[in-house]
Amino acid sequence: MGRRKNNKNRGRGSAGQNRAETDAFLDKNRRKPDVVETASGLQYTIKEPGTGTRPDEWSTVEVNQRILLADGTIIKDTYHGTETDTFTLAEAIDGLKEGLPLLKEGGKARFVVPPDLAWGKRGAGDKIGPYAALIFDVRLEKVT
C-alpha cells in the first residue's frame, strides 16, 4: 500500500514528529538558568511577579498573551490588539491553571506548557498539532 498524504494536518505536524520536537525543545528549555520546572512538567520564568490579587481556581482572569508553538509560530497575540482575553481558570488548560496562580495582578511570565498540560495527543484546531508544547508569554491584567 502506498502512503497517503493527509493535507488536513499540514502545518500541525505528525504525532511522532511533534513528540520528538517537543521533547527536544522541553529538554533544551529546562536547562536555561532562569527556568523553573514543576513536578507536573510546567516550565516557567517569572519576569515580573506583580503586586495585586493572586488568582485561585475560582477566579476569572483578564490577560494579555502571546501563544506560540515551540518553533516560534504565533498562534495568538493580544499584545498588539485592543482587547485582552478573559476566562475562568476552571476553563483554562491545565498548564495555565497551574501557572497563573504563581502571579499577582500586573505580573508577567513565560509558561512553557508540555502537551500533557495542554491539548495532548489530540491537538486543537488546525494550528496546534498532536503532542505540541505551547509557550505563553502572559501578563495578568486583572483578577475577579
N, C-alpha and C. Protein backbone atom coordinates (compact mmCIF):
# COMPACT_ATOMS: atom_id res chain seq x y z
N MET A 1 0.83 -1.19 0.00
CA MET A 1 0.00 0.00 0.00
C MET A 1 0.87 1.25 0.00
N GLY A 2 0.42 2.23 -0.76
CA GLY A 2 1.14 3.49 -0.78
C GLY A 2 0.80 4.33 0.44
N ARG A 3 1.63 5.28 0.69
CA ARG A 3 1.43 6.17 1.82
C ARG A 3 0.57 7.35 1.38
N ARG A 4 -0.52 7.60 2.08
CA ARG A 4 -1.41 8.71 1.76
C ARG A 4 -0.97 9.95 2.49
N LYS A 5 -0.89 11.01 1.76
CA LYS A 5 -0.56 12.28 2.38
C LYS A 5 -1.86 12.94 2.83
N ASN A 6 -1.90 13.37 4.05
CA ASN A 6 -3.11 13.99 4.59
C ASN A 6 -2.86 15.49 4.70
N ASN A 7 -3.40 16.25 3.78
CA ASN A 7 -3.21 17.69 3.79
C ASN A 7 -3.95 18.38 4.93
N LYS A 8 -4.92 17.71 5.52
CA LYS A 8 -5.69 18.30 6.62
C LYS A 8 -4.76 18.66 7.79
N ASN A 9 -3.76 17.84 8.04
CA ASN A 9 -2.87 18.10 9.17
C ASN A 9 -1.63 18.89 8.78
N ARG A 10 -1.58 19.36 7.55
CA ARG A 10 -0.42 20.13 7.13
C ARG A 10 -0.26 21.33 8.07
N GLY A 11 0.94 21.56 8.56
CA GLY A 11 1.18 22.66 9.48
C GLY A 11 1.06 22.24 10.93
N ARG A 12 0.29 21.21 11.21
CA ARG A 12 0.17 20.72 12.58
C ARG A 12 1.26 19.73 12.89
N GLY A 13 1.82 19.09 11.89
CA GLY A 13 2.85 18.08 12.10
C GLY A 13 2.27 16.75 12.51
N SER A 14 3.03 15.69 12.29
CA SER A 14 2.59 14.36 12.69
C SER A 14 2.82 14.18 14.19
N ALA A 15 2.10 13.23 14.76
CA ALA A 15 2.24 12.98 16.19
C ALA A 15 3.68 12.63 16.55
N GLY A 16 4.30 11.73 15.78
CA GLY A 16 5.67 11.32 16.07
C GLY A 16 6.66 12.45 15.92
N GLN A 17 6.52 13.21 14.86
CA GLN A 17 7.41 14.35 14.62
C GLN A 17 7.25 15.39 15.73
N ASN A 18 6.01 15.72 16.07
CA ASN A 18 5.76 16.71 17.11
C ASN A 18 6.30 16.26 18.46
N ARG A 19 6.10 14.98 18.78
CA ARG A 19 6.56 14.47 20.07
C ARG A 19 8.08 14.60 20.18
N ALA A 20 8.81 14.23 19.12
CA ALA A 20 10.27 14.31 19.13
C ALA A 20 10.73 15.76 19.25
N GLU A 21 10.11 16.67 18.48
CA GLU A 21 10.49 18.08 18.54
C GLU A 21 10.15 18.68 19.90
N THR A 22 9.00 18.30 20.44
CA THR A 22 8.59 18.81 21.75
C THR A 22 9.54 18.35 22.84
N ASP A 23 9.89 17.07 22.84
CA ASP A 23 10.81 16.54 23.85
C ASP A 23 12.15 17.26 23.79
N ALA A 24 12.66 17.47 22.58
CA ALA A 24 13.95 18.17 22.42
C ALA A 24 13.84 19.61 22.90
N PHE A 25 12.74 20.29 22.55
CA PHE A 25 12.54 21.68 22.97
C PHE A 25 12.45 21.79 24.49
N LEU A 26 11.65 20.93 25.12
CA LEU A 26 11.49 20.98 26.57
C LEU A 26 12.80 20.69 27.28
N ASP A 27 13.58 19.75 26.76
CA ASP A 27 14.87 19.42 27.36
C ASP A 27 15.82 20.61 27.29
N LYS A 28 15.86 21.27 26.15
CA LYS A 28 16.73 22.44 25.98
C LYS A 28 16.26 23.59 26.87
N ASN A 29 14.95 23.82 26.93
CA ASN A 29 14.42 24.93 27.71
C ASN A 29 14.68 24.75 29.21
N ARG A 30 14.54 23.53 29.71
CA ARG A 30 14.71 23.31 31.16
C ARG A 30 16.14 23.57 31.62
N ARG A 31 17.08 23.60 30.69
CA ARG A 31 18.49 23.84 31.02
C ARG A 31 18.82 25.33 31.16
N LYS A 32 17.91 26.19 30.78
CA LYS A 32 18.14 27.63 30.90
C LYS A 32 18.18 27.99 32.38
N PRO A 33 19.07 28.89 32.76
CA PRO A 33 19.26 29.19 34.19
C PRO A 33 18.06 29.81 34.90
N ASP A 34 17.19 30.51 34.19
CA ASP A 34 16.06 31.19 34.84
C ASP A 34 14.77 30.39 34.79
N VAL A 35 14.81 29.17 34.27
CA VAL A 35 13.60 28.35 34.11
C VAL A 35 13.41 27.45 35.33
N VAL A 36 12.19 27.45 35.85
CA VAL A 36 11.80 26.56 36.96
C VAL A 36 10.86 25.52 36.36
N GLU A 37 11.02 24.27 36.77
CA GLU A 37 10.13 23.22 36.29
C GLU A 37 9.40 22.61 37.48
N THR A 38 8.09 22.51 37.36
CA THR A 38 7.28 21.93 38.43
C THR A 38 7.23 20.41 38.28
N ALA A 39 6.69 19.74 39.28
CA ALA A 39 6.57 18.28 39.24
C ALA A 39 5.71 17.81 38.07
N SER A 40 4.75 18.62 37.64
CA SER A 40 3.87 18.24 36.52
C SER A 40 4.55 18.40 35.16
N GLY A 41 5.65 19.14 35.13
CA GLY A 41 6.35 19.38 33.87
C GLY A 41 6.21 20.80 33.34
N LEU A 42 5.37 21.63 33.97
CA LEU A 42 5.26 23.02 33.56
C LEU A 42 6.60 23.71 33.78
N GLN A 43 7.08 24.42 32.77
CA GLN A 43 8.31 25.19 32.89
C GLN A 43 7.92 26.66 32.86
N TYR A 44 8.52 27.45 33.75
CA TYR A 44 8.14 28.85 33.77
C TYR A 44 9.29 29.74 34.17
N THR A 45 9.17 31.00 33.77
CA THR A 45 10.08 32.06 34.16
C THR A 45 9.21 33.24 34.54
N ILE A 46 9.36 33.72 35.76
CA ILE A 46 8.62 34.90 36.21
C ILE A 46 9.43 36.13 35.80
N LYS A 47 8.84 36.97 34.97
CA LYS A 47 9.50 38.20 34.53
C LYS A 47 9.24 39.33 35.52
N GLU A 48 7.97 39.42 35.98
CA GLU A 48 7.55 40.38 37.00
C GLU A 48 6.49 39.67 37.84
N PRO A 49 6.65 39.63 39.17
CA PRO A 49 5.70 38.89 40.00
C PRO A 49 4.33 39.56 40.14
N GLY A 50 4.27 40.88 39.94
CA GLY A 50 3.01 41.60 40.12
C GLY A 50 2.81 41.98 41.58
N THR A 51 1.81 42.82 41.82
CA THR A 51 1.58 43.31 43.18
C THR A 51 0.12 43.24 43.60
N GLY A 52 -0.76 42.87 42.70
CA GLY A 52 -2.19 42.86 43.02
C GLY A 52 -2.66 41.52 43.55
N THR A 53 -3.88 41.19 43.24
CA THR A 53 -4.53 39.96 43.68
C THR A 53 -3.97 38.76 42.94
N ARG A 54 -3.84 37.65 43.65
CA ARG A 54 -3.40 36.39 43.06
C ARG A 54 -4.65 35.56 42.74
N PRO A 55 -4.76 35.00 41.52
CA PRO A 55 -5.94 34.21 41.18
C PRO A 55 -5.95 32.84 41.88
N ASP A 56 -7.15 32.31 42.04
CA ASP A 56 -7.29 30.94 42.54
C ASP A 56 -8.16 30.17 41.56
N GLU A 57 -8.49 28.95 41.88
CA GLU A 57 -9.21 28.09 40.94
C GLU A 57 -10.60 28.60 40.56
N TRP A 58 -11.16 29.53 41.34
CA TRP A 58 -12.49 30.06 41.05
C TRP A 58 -12.44 31.43 40.38
N SER A 59 -11.27 31.94 40.15
CA SER A 59 -11.11 33.29 39.61
C SER A 59 -11.40 33.37 38.11
N THR A 60 -11.81 34.57 37.72
CA THR A 60 -11.83 34.95 36.32
C THR A 60 -10.63 35.87 36.12
N VAL A 61 -9.88 35.62 35.05
CA VAL A 61 -8.68 36.41 34.80
C VAL A 61 -8.79 37.13 33.47
N GLU A 62 -8.17 38.29 33.42
CA GLU A 62 -8.02 39.04 32.19
C GLU A 62 -6.53 39.09 31.91
N VAL A 63 -6.12 38.65 30.72
CA VAL A 63 -4.70 38.57 30.40
C VAL A 63 -4.41 39.14 29.02
N ASN A 64 -3.21 39.63 28.86
CA ASN A 64 -2.63 39.83 27.55
C ASN A 64 -1.73 38.64 27.37
N GLN A 65 -1.77 38.03 26.19
CA GLN A 65 -0.95 36.84 26.00
C GLN A 65 -0.52 36.68 24.55
N ARG A 66 0.68 36.15 24.42
CA ARG A 66 1.19 35.72 23.13
C ARG A 66 1.37 34.21 23.26
N ILE A 67 0.70 33.45 22.39
CA ILE A 67 0.78 32.00 22.42
C ILE A 67 1.55 31.55 21.19
N LEU A 68 2.62 30.77 21.44
CA LEU A 68 3.47 30.31 20.36
C LEU A 68 3.67 28.81 20.42
N LEU A 69 3.98 28.24 19.26
CA LEU A 69 4.44 26.86 19.21
C LEU A 69 5.95 26.87 19.48
N ALA A 70 6.52 25.71 19.74
CA ALA A 70 7.94 25.61 20.03
C ALA A 70 8.81 26.14 18.90
N ASP A 71 8.31 26.09 17.65
CA ASP A 71 9.10 26.58 16.52
C ASP A 71 8.97 28.09 16.32
N GLY A 72 8.23 28.77 17.22
CA GLY A 72 8.08 30.21 17.15
C GLY A 72 6.84 30.69 16.42
N THR A 73 6.06 29.77 15.84
CA THR A 73 4.82 30.14 15.16
C THR A 73 3.85 30.76 16.16
N ILE A 74 3.36 31.95 15.86
CA ILE A 74 2.43 32.64 16.75
C ILE A 74 1.02 32.13 16.49
N ILE A 75 0.38 31.65 17.54
CA ILE A 75 -0.99 31.16 17.48
C ILE A 75 -1.97 32.29 17.77
N LYS A 76 -1.61 33.13 18.73
CA LYS A 76 -2.47 34.25 19.13
C LYS A 76 -1.61 35.29 19.80
N ASP A 77 -1.97 36.57 19.61
CA ASP A 77 -1.23 37.66 20.25
C ASP A 77 -2.18 38.80 20.55
N THR A 78 -2.49 39.00 21.83
CA THR A 78 -3.38 40.11 22.21
C THR A 78 -2.60 41.37 22.54
N TYR A 79 -1.27 41.30 22.62
CA TYR A 79 -0.48 42.49 22.96
C TYR A 79 -0.60 43.58 21.90
N HIS A 80 -0.83 43.18 20.66
CA HIS A 80 -0.88 44.16 19.58
C HIS A 80 -2.30 44.55 19.20
N GLY A 81 -3.27 44.06 19.94
CA GLY A 81 -4.66 44.40 19.67
C GLY A 81 -5.19 45.35 20.73
N THR A 82 -6.48 45.54 20.69
CA THR A 82 -7.11 46.44 21.67
C THR A 82 -7.85 45.67 22.75
N GLU A 83 -7.97 44.35 22.58
CA GLU A 83 -8.71 43.56 23.56
C GLU A 83 -7.83 42.52 24.22
N THR A 84 -8.09 42.27 25.48
CA THR A 84 -7.42 41.23 26.23
C THR A 84 -8.27 39.95 26.16
N ASP A 85 -7.75 38.87 26.68
CA ASP A 85 -8.52 37.63 26.81
C ASP A 85 -9.01 37.52 28.24
N THR A 86 -10.28 37.15 28.41
CA THR A 86 -10.86 36.94 29.73
C THR A 86 -11.44 35.54 29.79
N PHE A 87 -11.09 34.79 30.83
CA PHE A 87 -11.59 33.43 31.00
C PHE A 87 -11.49 33.04 32.47
N THR A 88 -12.22 32.00 32.83
CA THR A 88 -12.11 31.49 34.20
C THR A 88 -10.98 30.47 34.23
N LEU A 89 -10.33 30.35 35.38
CA LEU A 89 -9.28 29.35 35.50
C LEU A 89 -9.85 27.95 35.33
N ALA A 90 -11.12 27.77 35.71
CA ALA A 90 -11.74 26.46 35.57
C ALA A 90 -11.79 26.00 34.12
N GLU A 91 -11.89 26.93 33.17
CA GLU A 91 -11.97 26.56 31.76
C GLU A 91 -10.61 26.58 31.05
N ALA A 92 -9.56 26.96 31.74
CA ALA A 92 -8.22 27.05 31.15
C ALA A 92 -7.59 25.67 31.02
N ILE A 93 -6.59 25.58 30.15
CA ILE A 93 -5.82 24.33 30.07
C ILE A 93 -5.05 24.16 31.38
N ASP A 94 -4.68 22.94 31.69
CA ASP A 94 -4.03 22.63 32.97
C ASP A 94 -2.76 23.45 33.21
N GLY A 95 -1.99 23.71 32.16
CA GLY A 95 -0.76 24.49 32.32
C GLY A 95 -1.02 25.89 32.83
N LEU A 96 -2.11 26.52 32.38
CA LEU A 96 -2.45 27.86 32.87
C LEU A 96 -3.11 27.80 34.24
N LYS A 97 -3.87 26.73 34.50
CA LYS A 97 -4.45 26.56 35.84
C LYS A 97 -3.34 26.50 36.89
N GLU A 98 -2.23 25.90 36.53
CA GLU A 98 -1.10 25.79 37.45
C GLU A 98 -0.24 27.06 37.44
N GLY A 99 -0.05 27.64 36.27
CA GLY A 99 0.88 28.76 36.15
C GLY A 99 0.34 30.11 36.59
N LEU A 100 -0.86 30.45 36.20
CA LEU A 100 -1.36 31.79 36.52
C LEU A 100 -1.42 32.10 38.02
N PRO A 101 -1.75 31.14 38.90
CA PRO A 101 -1.73 31.45 40.33
C PRO A 101 -0.33 31.75 40.90
N LEU A 102 0.71 31.57 40.10
CA LEU A 102 2.05 31.96 40.52
C LEU A 102 2.26 33.47 40.41
N LEU A 103 1.35 34.14 39.73
CA LEU A 103 1.43 35.58 39.51
C LEU A 103 0.40 36.32 40.33
N LYS A 104 0.65 37.62 40.51
CA LYS A 104 -0.34 38.54 41.04
C LYS A 104 -0.68 39.50 39.90
N GLU A 105 -1.77 40.25 40.06
CA GLU A 105 -2.14 41.23 39.04
C GLU A 105 -0.92 42.08 38.69
N GLY A 106 -0.76 42.33 37.40
CA GLY A 106 0.39 43.10 36.94
C GLY A 106 1.61 42.24 36.66
N GLY A 107 1.55 40.99 37.05
CA GLY A 107 2.68 40.09 36.86
C GLY A 107 2.81 39.60 35.43
N LYS A 108 4.05 39.25 35.08
CA LYS A 108 4.36 38.78 33.73
C LYS A 108 5.20 37.53 33.84
N ALA A 109 4.90 36.55 32.97
CA ALA A 109 5.66 35.30 32.99
C ALA A 109 5.67 34.67 31.62
N ARG A 110 6.60 33.74 31.46
CA ARG A 110 6.61 32.85 30.30
C ARG A 110 6.35 31.46 30.84
N PHE A 111 5.29 30.84 30.34
CA PHE A 111 4.96 29.46 30.68
C PHE A 111 5.20 28.59 29.46
N VAL A 112 6.00 27.57 29.62
CA VAL A 112 6.20 26.58 28.57
C VAL A 112 5.40 25.36 29.02
N VAL A 113 4.34 25.10 28.28
CA VAL A 113 3.35 24.10 28.67
C VAL A 113 3.55 22.83 27.84
N PRO A 114 3.92 21.73 28.50
CA PRO A 114 4.07 20.48 27.76
C PRO A 114 2.71 19.96 27.31
N PRO A 115 2.69 19.08 26.32
CA PRO A 115 1.42 18.60 25.77
C PRO A 115 0.46 18.02 26.81
N ASP A 116 0.98 17.33 27.81
CA ASP A 116 0.11 16.73 28.83
C ASP A 116 -0.66 17.76 29.63
N LEU A 117 -0.20 19.02 29.62
CA LEU A 117 -0.88 20.09 30.34
C LEU A 117 -1.61 21.04 29.38
N ALA A 118 -1.64 20.65 28.09
CA ALA A 118 -2.32 21.46 27.08
C ALA A 118 -3.36 20.58 26.37
N TRP A 119 -3.18 20.36 25.07
CA TRP A 119 -4.17 19.59 24.32
C TRP A 119 -3.71 18.18 23.98
N GLY A 120 -2.56 17.77 24.48
CA GLY A 120 -2.10 16.40 24.37
C GLY A 120 -2.07 15.84 22.96
N LYS A 121 -2.48 14.59 22.84
CA LYS A 121 -2.38 13.90 21.55
C LYS A 121 -3.42 14.35 20.54
N ARG A 122 -4.46 15.07 20.97
CA ARG A 122 -5.50 15.46 20.01
C ARG A 122 -5.21 16.80 19.34
N GLY A 123 -4.37 17.63 19.95
CA GLY A 123 -4.13 18.95 19.38
C GLY A 123 -5.39 19.80 19.49
N ALA A 124 -5.40 20.95 18.79
CA ALA A 124 -6.56 21.84 18.83
C ALA A 124 -6.62 22.62 17.53
N GLY A 125 -7.74 22.54 16.87
CA GLY A 125 -7.94 23.29 15.64
C GLY A 125 -6.95 22.88 14.57
N ASP A 126 -6.69 23.80 13.65
CA ASP A 126 -5.78 23.48 12.56
C ASP A 126 -4.37 24.01 12.79
N LYS A 127 -4.11 24.62 13.94
CA LYS A 127 -2.80 25.20 14.21
C LYS A 127 -1.99 24.44 15.25
N ILE A 128 -2.65 23.81 16.20
CA ILE A 128 -1.94 23.13 17.29
C ILE A 128 -2.02 21.63 17.05
N GLY A 129 -0.91 21.06 16.68
CA GLY A 129 -0.87 19.65 16.34
C GLY A 129 -0.83 18.76 17.57
N PRO A 130 -0.88 17.45 17.35
CA PRO A 130 -0.79 16.50 18.46
C PRO A 130 0.58 16.59 19.13
N TYR A 131 0.59 16.48 20.44
CA TYR A 131 1.82 16.48 21.25
C TYR A 131 2.63 17.77 21.10
N ALA A 132 1.96 18.88 20.88
CA ALA A 132 2.64 20.16 20.73
C ALA A 132 2.79 20.86 22.09
N ALA A 133 3.99 21.33 22.37
CA ALA A 133 4.22 22.20 23.53
C ALA A 133 3.80 23.61 23.14
N LEU A 134 3.32 24.36 24.11
CA LEU A 134 2.91 25.74 23.86
C LEU A 134 3.69 26.68 24.76
N ILE A 135 3.98 27.85 24.24
CA ILE A 135 4.67 28.89 25.00
C ILE A 135 3.68 30.03 25.18
N PHE A 136 3.46 30.43 26.43
CA PHE A 136 2.57 31.54 26.75
C PHE A 136 3.40 32.65 27.37
N ASP A 137 3.49 33.79 26.69
CA ASP A 137 4.03 35.00 27.30
C ASP A 137 2.82 35.76 27.79
N VAL A 138 2.65 35.81 29.12
CA VAL A 138 1.41 36.30 29.72
C VAL A 138 1.65 37.45 30.67
N ARG A 139 0.76 38.42 30.60
CA ARG A 139 0.69 39.48 31.61
C ARG A 139 -0.69 39.39 32.23
N LEU A 140 -0.74 39.17 33.53
CA LEU A 140 -2.00 39.05 34.26
C LEU A 140 -2.50 40.47 34.56
N GLU A 141 -3.50 40.88 33.82
CA GLU A 141 -4.00 42.25 33.93
C GLU A 141 -4.97 42.44 35.10
N LYS A 142 -5.89 41.47 35.28
CA LYS A 142 -6.93 41.65 36.30
C LYS A 142 -7.45 40.30 36.78
N VAL A 143 -7.78 40.24 38.06
CA VAL A 143 -8.35 39.05 38.67
C VAL A 143 -9.68 39.43 39.32
N THR A 144 -10.75 38.67 39.01
CA THR A 144 -12.04 38.92 39.66
C THR A 144 -12.61 37.63 40.18
